[in-house]
Amino acid sequence: MPFSTAPTPLATPPQALAPQPPVTLLVVDDHTLFRRGLIALLGQDPGLLVVGEAGDAAEALRLAPQLLPQVILLDNHLPGVMGVDAIRGLREVAPASRVLMLTVSEDGQDLAAALRNGAQGYLLKTIEGDLLAEAIRRAARGEPVVSPELMGKLVAAFQSQGAPEVPPAMPVPPQVAPPDASAAVAQLSPREEDVLREIARGASNKEIARTLDIAETTVKIHVQHILRKLGLSSRVQAAVYASDRQRAE
């Protein structure tokens, strides 16, 4: 019986057959030079795709429902309508889009207003390019992202009695410590204490892994253990808890 000598083709990995599509973006900033420079920077990342740009909130509100970007990168100081005031409108016309603030404003009230109005995160324009790209990807996945420098103001905003409501993306109850907080802290291992301190800084799992020289999967396990032991349900609650501890010590 004749037979073929042709080699059997190797199976193609599933990920090679279906590469992940890039995260689509609408960039909203009234400074043309900055906006174009930012678009050029983001264009260097194959995992990101800018599908539109706008110079003010009105233009963004017109483009968002047409383009349906996964992430709307929004400046705060826009002509006419401020960025924080445009968030609700953008979420109404493009409900599936995540709004990520990128601004120079370090004002705690702007931060609280943005999160209250439904922003997925709040970043400062001083952020490094690679960290911005990672933050955009995290926001597209529905993860809350805040510049580490602003974590203290975020905690203060949530603890302030003047905050009328808590952002749905970052639920934080008035009291995050379990009834027997000292017992819960005693259960944390030294490495979990290290991870908790990094969470309080606002670091991502990847950043924590780099700082502590451990695998990112190990960080995820530590985070799960910390939340379970402290009776918490989110990273932001853990950050608030750690901040309370530091002030009490």
Protein backbone atom coordinates (compact mmCIF):
# COMPACT_ATOMS: atom_id res chain seq x y z
CA MET A 1 0.00 0.00 0.00
CA PRO A 2 1.48 3.38 -0.93
CA PHE A 3 2.06 5.82 1.85
CA SER A 4 2.89 9.48 2.10
CA THR A 5 6.23 10.70 3.40
CA ALA A 6 4.96 14.25 3.93
CA PRO A 7 5.38 15.39 7.55
CA THR A 8 2.28 15.71 9.65
CA PRO A 9 1.61 19.41 10.35
CA LEU A 10 1.93 20.42 13.97
CA ALA A 11 -1.22 21.56 15.75
CA THR A 12 -1.47 25.32 15.93
CA PRO A 13 -1.93 26.66 19.47
CA PRO A 14 -5.39 28.18 20.00
CA GLN A 15 -3.87 31.56 20.91
CA ALA A 16 -2.04 31.65 17.58
CA LEU A 17 -5.31 31.07 15.72
CA ALA A 18 -7.18 33.79 17.56
CA PRO A 19 -4.90 36.64 18.67
CA GLN A 20 -6.42 39.12 21.07
CA PRO A 21 -7.75 42.20 19.27
CA PRO A 22 -6.30 45.53 20.40
CA VAL A 23 -8.08 47.69 22.97
CA THR A 24 -9.85 50.49 21.10
CA LEU A 25 -9.51 54.05 22.39
CA LEU A 26 -11.05 57.49 22.03
CA VAL A 27 -8.59 60.18 23.19
CA VAL A 28 -10.19 63.40 24.50
CA ASP A 29 -7.86 66.35 25.23
CA ASP A 30 -8.05 69.98 24.17
CA HIS A 31 -4.27 70.43 23.81
CA THR A 32 -3.62 69.36 20.22
CA LEU A 33 0.13 68.81 20.57
CA PHE A 34 -0.29 66.70 23.70
CA ARG A 35 -3.18 64.75 22.15
CA ARG A 36 -1.27 63.96 18.98
CA GLY A 37 1.84 63.04 20.96
CA LEU A 38 -0.20 60.75 23.18
CA ILE A 39 -1.81 59.09 20.16
CA ALA A 40 1.65 58.54 18.63
CA LEU A 41 2.87 57.01 21.90
CA LEU A 42 -0.12 54.69 22.20
CA GLY A 43 0.26 53.73 18.55
CA GLN A 44 3.60 52.09 19.36
CA ASP A 45 1.76 49.43 21.37
CA PRO A 46 0.22 46.76 19.09
CA GLY A 47 -2.28 45.97 21.83
CA LEU A 48 -3.85 49.44 21.64
CA LEU A 49 -5.72 51.12 18.79
CA VAL A 50 -6.83 54.76 18.81
CA VAL A 51 -10.05 54.93 16.76
CA GLY A 52 -10.82 58.59 17.35
CA GLU A 53 -9.84 61.85 18.99
CA ALA A 54 -11.75 64.85 20.33
CA GLY A 55 -10.83 68.30 21.62
CA ASP A 56 -13.79 68.83 23.94
CA ALA A 57 -16.64 67.04 25.70
CA ALA A 58 -19.24 67.90 23.04
CA GLU A 59 -17.17 66.28 20.30
CA ALA A 60 -16.50 63.26 22.54
CA LEU A 61 -20.23 62.85 23.18
CA ARG A 62 -20.83 62.87 19.42
CA LEU A 63 -18.05 60.40 18.58
CA ALA A 64 -18.41 57.91 21.44
CA PRO A 65 -21.70 56.28 20.28
CA GLN A 66 -20.39 56.12 16.70
CA LEU A 67 -16.98 54.61 17.51
CA LEU A 68 -17.95 52.61 20.62
CA PRO A 69 -14.37 52.53 21.98
CA GLN A 70 -13.56 50.15 24.80
CA VAL A 71 -11.82 52.95 26.70
CA ILE A 72 -12.35 56.72 26.57
CA LEU A 73 -9.17 58.48 27.71
CA LEU A 74 -10.52 61.75 29.10
CA ASP A 75 -8.78 64.95 30.21
CA ASN A 76 -10.43 66.99 32.97
CA HIS A 77 -9.71 70.60 32.00
CA LEU A 78 -11.71 70.82 28.80
CA PRO A 79 -13.33 73.94 27.31
CA GLY A 80 -17.04 74.27 27.99
CA VAL A 81 -17.78 71.15 30.04
CA MET A 82 -15.18 69.77 32.46
CA GLY A 83 -14.15 66.15 32.00
CA VAL A 84 -15.55 65.00 35.35
CA ASP A 85 -18.90 66.53 34.42
CA ALA A 86 -18.94 64.78 31.03
CA ILE A 87 -18.47 61.27 32.42
CA ARG A 88 -22.15 60.53 33.07
CA GLY A 89 -23.10 61.68 29.56
CA LEU A 90 -20.39 59.56 27.96
CA ARG A 91 -21.53 56.50 29.89
CA GLU A 92 -25.10 57.13 28.77
CA VAL A 93 -24.28 57.37 25.06
CA ALA A 94 -21.67 54.57 25.18
CA PRO A 95 -22.55 52.30 28.15
CA ALA A 96 -19.99 49.64 27.23
CA SER A 97 -17.10 52.12 27.14
CA ARG A 98 -14.88 52.58 30.19
CA VAL A 99 -13.96 56.18 31.00
CA LEU A 100 -10.38 56.62 32.20
CA MET A 101 -9.34 60.09 33.36
CA LEU A 102 -5.86 61.28 32.33
CA THR A 103 -5.22 64.70 33.82
CA VAL A 104 -2.78 67.02 35.61
CA SER A 105 -5.27 67.62 38.42
CA GLU A 106 -4.30 66.10 41.75
CA ASP A 107 -7.31 67.69 43.46
CA GLY A 108 -9.08 65.25 45.78
CA GLN A 109 -12.48 66.65 44.87
CA ASP A 110 -11.86 66.06 41.15
CA LEU A 111 -10.75 62.51 41.95
CA ALA A 112 -13.83 61.80 44.07
CA ALA A 113 -16.18 63.40 41.53
CA ALA A 114 -14.72 61.38 38.67
CA LEU A 115 -15.13 58.08 40.49
CA ARG A 116 -18.58 59.05 41.75
CA ASN A 117 -19.67 59.83 38.20
CA GLY A 118 -18.58 56.42 36.98
CA ALA A 119 -14.96 56.73 35.81
CA GLN A 120 -13.09 53.44 35.74
CA GLY A 121 -9.94 55.16 36.94
CA TYR A 122 -7.99 58.37 37.43
CA LEU A 123 -4.42 58.80 36.23
CA LEU A 124 -1.97 61.68 36.27
CA LYS A 125 -0.29 62.80 33.06
CA THR A 126 3.09 62.22 34.69
CA ILE A 127 2.56 58.45 34.33
CA GLU A 128 5.16 56.49 32.35
CA GLY A 129 4.11 55.26 28.92
CA ASP A 130 4.33 51.53 29.70
CA LEU A 131 2.36 51.99 32.92
CA LEU A 132 -0.29 53.97 31.04
CA ALA A 133 -0.65 51.18 28.48
CA GLU A 134 -1.05 48.62 31.26
CA ALA A 135 -3.57 50.84 33.07
CA ILE A 136 -5.63 51.13 29.87
CA ARG A 137 -5.70 47.36 29.50
CA ARG A 138 -6.74 46.95 33.12
CA ALA A 139 -9.50 49.52 32.69
CA ALA A 140 -10.73 47.72 29.57
CA ARG A 141 -11.01 44.56 31.68
CA GLY A 142 -13.15 46.45 34.18
CA GLU A 143 -10.46 46.86 36.84
CA PRO A 144 -10.34 50.16 38.77
CA VAL A 145 -7.05 52.04 38.30
CA VAL A 146 -5.75 55.06 40.21
CA SER A 147 -2.30 56.65 40.15
CA PRO A 148 -0.38 55.49 43.24
CA GLU A 149 0.33 59.12 44.21
CA LEU A 150 -3.41 59.66 44.63
CA MET A 151 -4.19 56.60 46.74
CA GLY A 152 -4.04 58.63 49.96
CA LYS A 153 -6.52 61.15 48.57
CA LEU A 154 -8.73 58.31 47.33
CA VAL A 155 -8.83 56.80 50.81
CA ALA A 156 -9.54 60.22 52.35
CA ALA A 157 -12.35 60.84 49.86
CA PHE A 158 -14.05 57.55 50.71
CA GLN A 159 -13.65 58.10 54.45
CA SER A 160 -14.91 61.67 54.30
CA GLN A 161 -18.44 62.21 55.51
CA GLY A 162 -18.85 64.73 52.71
CA ALA A 163 -18.68 62.05 50.03
CA PRO A 164 -22.34 61.63 49.03
CA GLU A 165 -21.99 58.21 47.50
CA VAL A 166 -19.45 55.50 46.74
CA PRO A 167 -18.42 54.85 43.12
CA PRO A 168 -19.93 51.57 41.86
CA ALA A 169 -16.56 50.49 40.42
CA MET A 170 -14.86 50.76 43.82
CA PRO A 171 -17.24 49.77 46.63
CA VAL A 172 -15.92 50.71 50.05
CA PRO A 173 -18.12 50.44 53.15
CA PRO A 174 -17.79 53.05 55.94
CA GLN A 175 -16.04 50.51 58.15
CA VAL A 176 -13.80 48.00 56.42
CA ALA A 177 -12.08 46.38 59.40
CA PRO A 178 -13.48 43.05 60.64
CA PRO A 179 -14.79 42.92 64.24
CA ASP A 180 -11.58 41.41 65.57
CA ALA A 181 -9.04 43.35 63.55
CA SER A 182 -6.03 42.53 65.72
CA ALA A 183 -6.68 38.81 65.37
CA ALA A 184 -7.05 39.17 61.62
CA VAL A 185 -3.75 41.05 61.32
CA ALA A 186 -2.02 38.38 63.37
CA GLN A 187 -3.04 35.84 60.72
CA LEU A 188 -1.18 37.66 57.94
CA SER A 189 2.17 36.21 56.99
CA PRO A 190 5.19 38.54 56.61
CA ARG A 191 4.91 38.27 52.83
CA GLU A 192 1.18 39.07 52.95
CA GLU A 193 2.05 42.15 55.03
CA ASP A 194 4.47 43.19 52.27
CA VAL A 195 1.79 42.73 49.62
CA LEU A 196 -0.75 44.68 51.71
CA ARG A 197 1.65 47.64 51.95
CA GLU A 198 2.06 47.62 48.17
CA ILE A 199 -1.72 47.47 47.69
CA ALA A 200 -2.01 50.55 49.91
CA ARG A 201 0.36 52.34 47.50
CA GLY A 202 -2.02 51.52 44.64
CA ALA A 203 0.39 49.10 42.95
CA SER A 204 -0.92 46.56 40.44
CA ASN A 205 -0.18 42.83 40.75
CA LYS A 206 2.54 43.15 38.12
CA GLU A 207 4.17 46.06 39.97
CA ILE A 208 3.98 44.18 43.28
CA ALA A 209 5.57 41.13 41.67
CA ARG A 210 8.39 43.29 40.32
CA THR A 211 8.96 45.05 43.66
CA LEU A 212 8.92 41.88 45.77
CA ASP A 213 10.66 39.73 43.14
CA ILE A 214 7.93 37.09 43.08
CA ALA A 215 5.65 35.70 40.39
CA GLU A 216 2.49 37.60 39.49
CA THR A 217 0.43 34.45 40.10
CA THR A 218 1.89 34.30 43.62
CA VAL A 219 0.82 37.91 44.19
CA LYS A 220 -2.75 37.02 43.15
CA ILE A 221 -2.80 34.19 45.67
CA HIS A 222 -1.50 36.48 48.43
CA VAL A 223 -4.17 39.09 47.60
CA GLN A 224 -6.90 36.45 47.81
CA HIS A 225 -5.57 35.30 51.20
CA ILE A 226 -5.36 38.88 52.51
CA LEU A 227 -8.94 39.70 51.52
CA ARG A 228 -10.22 36.44 53.02
CA LYS A 229 -8.32 36.81 56.28
CA LEU A 230 -9.34 40.45 56.75
CA GLY A 231 -12.95 39.86 55.72
CA LEU A 232 -12.70 42.33 52.81
CA SER A 233 -14.02 42.14 49.27
CA SER A 234 -11.82 44.49 47.20
CA ARG A 235 -8.30 45.87 46.87
CA VAL A 236 -9.50 49.38 47.65
CA GLN A 237 -11.00 48.16 50.93
CA ALA A 238 -7.60 46.62 51.70
CA ALA A 239 -5.90 49.96 50.92
CA VAL A 240 -8.29 51.79 53.24
CA TYR A 241 -7.71 49.18 55.93
CA ALA A 242 -3.92 49.47 55.63
CA SER A 243 -4.13 53.27 55.80
CA ASP A 244 -6.21 53.07 58.98
CA ARG A 245 -3.64 50.74 60.53
CA GLN A 246 -0.75 53.05 59.69
CA ARG A 247 -2.46 56.01 61.33
CA ALA A 248 -3.29 53.94 64.43
CA GLU A 249 0.28 52.70 64.87
